Amino acid sequence: MVDYRFCLPFYEKVIPDHDFFAPPTFYQVGNMNSIDKLIALSPYIYEIEPTNYCPYACIMCPRGRGLMTRPEGYMSLELFEKVLTMFPADQRLVRLHHFGEAVLHPRIDSMIAMVAGIDRIPVISLNPATLNESLCRRLVDAGPGLVCFSLDAFTDQGLKKIRGIKRSYEECLKLIAMFVAMSRQSSHKILKVIQTVVLDENRDQMYALDVLKEHYQDTDVVFYQAENTGFGNLELVEETNVGGSAALMRNARPCAAPFSEVSILWNGDVVLCCYDYDGDNVIGNLEQASLADIWSGAAINRLRKTFTDRETARLKLCSRCYLAPHHFARDIGFVEKNWQEEQVLLRLLANS
């Protein structure tokens, strides 16, 4: 998956005129009497999971480390169509990824086209090793607005060690080049992001990015060196990027997910967090209730109280997350950044 939550400094470098960058929204919470002022009328749908199947073993991902225990499957097009009717009116981006290799969904091109068909912008993330000529053509023809290629190593050995990828580095480069060429010949405007998560295993190979940047100088391809967030788990960060947790903590603020956003798993389960790989904080299921009812239901309200009371240490997922409110003093307000991130990405798309 792609973690856009720490991308703002990168995009400020890519786009020089950053007058449009809004600061994150902070919430000051004194007691439960103010909780109603926090809650968005309709949640931002941060991610939709087409599938949680994944053939890779990424060292920085809980899914890749074998920690996911929930069933694997594919979202039905009927459920997906229902989800698309539940987006806030002003939300433009639809991120089609969570914990799985999304393009393995047999109808991923239909999903992308359905998003584009309602005048929203499909965003997908993939490993280049998953591609082939047929899949490239199907994806390009469907018209995604943004495609993120995860490229975290620059040798055959590095790809195998970091992500468990068996294809060669040269093959991956050729597949990226094939997609870029097809996209430039199509009628769709598609932004390509080549993302590298900075790890101890690849730090001394970053010079290879300079070679790629020389090859892709047009504005429809950008490069992003992403911080390793460990999906909230600092122990995982330190295992793969020693010292990386200190940098993350300098900018950390308490998470406001229960008040502002959701992600939707392939089976319709609604979770609070884009880091929730195993469905630990499920607040409802869209096969059984509407998102509006789930957003005002008892399960989410219990979690909101847990957050405002700073008692998140008792939640399985949150207990390990450095953004959980129990790590912060009560006078430090919650922060949500989903709408600000969307503004940044929309401007980047406009400038590509």
Foldseek 3Di string as FASTA:
>chain_A
DDDLPPCVVVLCVVDVPVPVQDDFDWDAFDDPVCLVVQFDLAFAAQAEEQWQAAPKQALLACSSVVNADDDTDGADPVVLLQVVVRHDPPAAEYEHHFRYARLVRPCVLVSLLSSVVVRHAYEYEHELLVDDLVSLLSNLVSAHAEYEYEDAAQACVLCCVRIVRNDTNVSSVVSVVSSVVNNVVDPHLYAYEYEYEDWPSHPVVCVVVVVVCVVDVDLSYYYYHDYSCSLQAVVSNCVTHNPSVVVVLVPAAAAPQLRHHWYAYSQQFIARDSSCSHSQQTQDGVVVDPSSDSNPDDSSVVVSNCQLVLVCCPRPVLVRGPNGSVVDDSRGTHTDCSVSSSSSVVVSSVVD
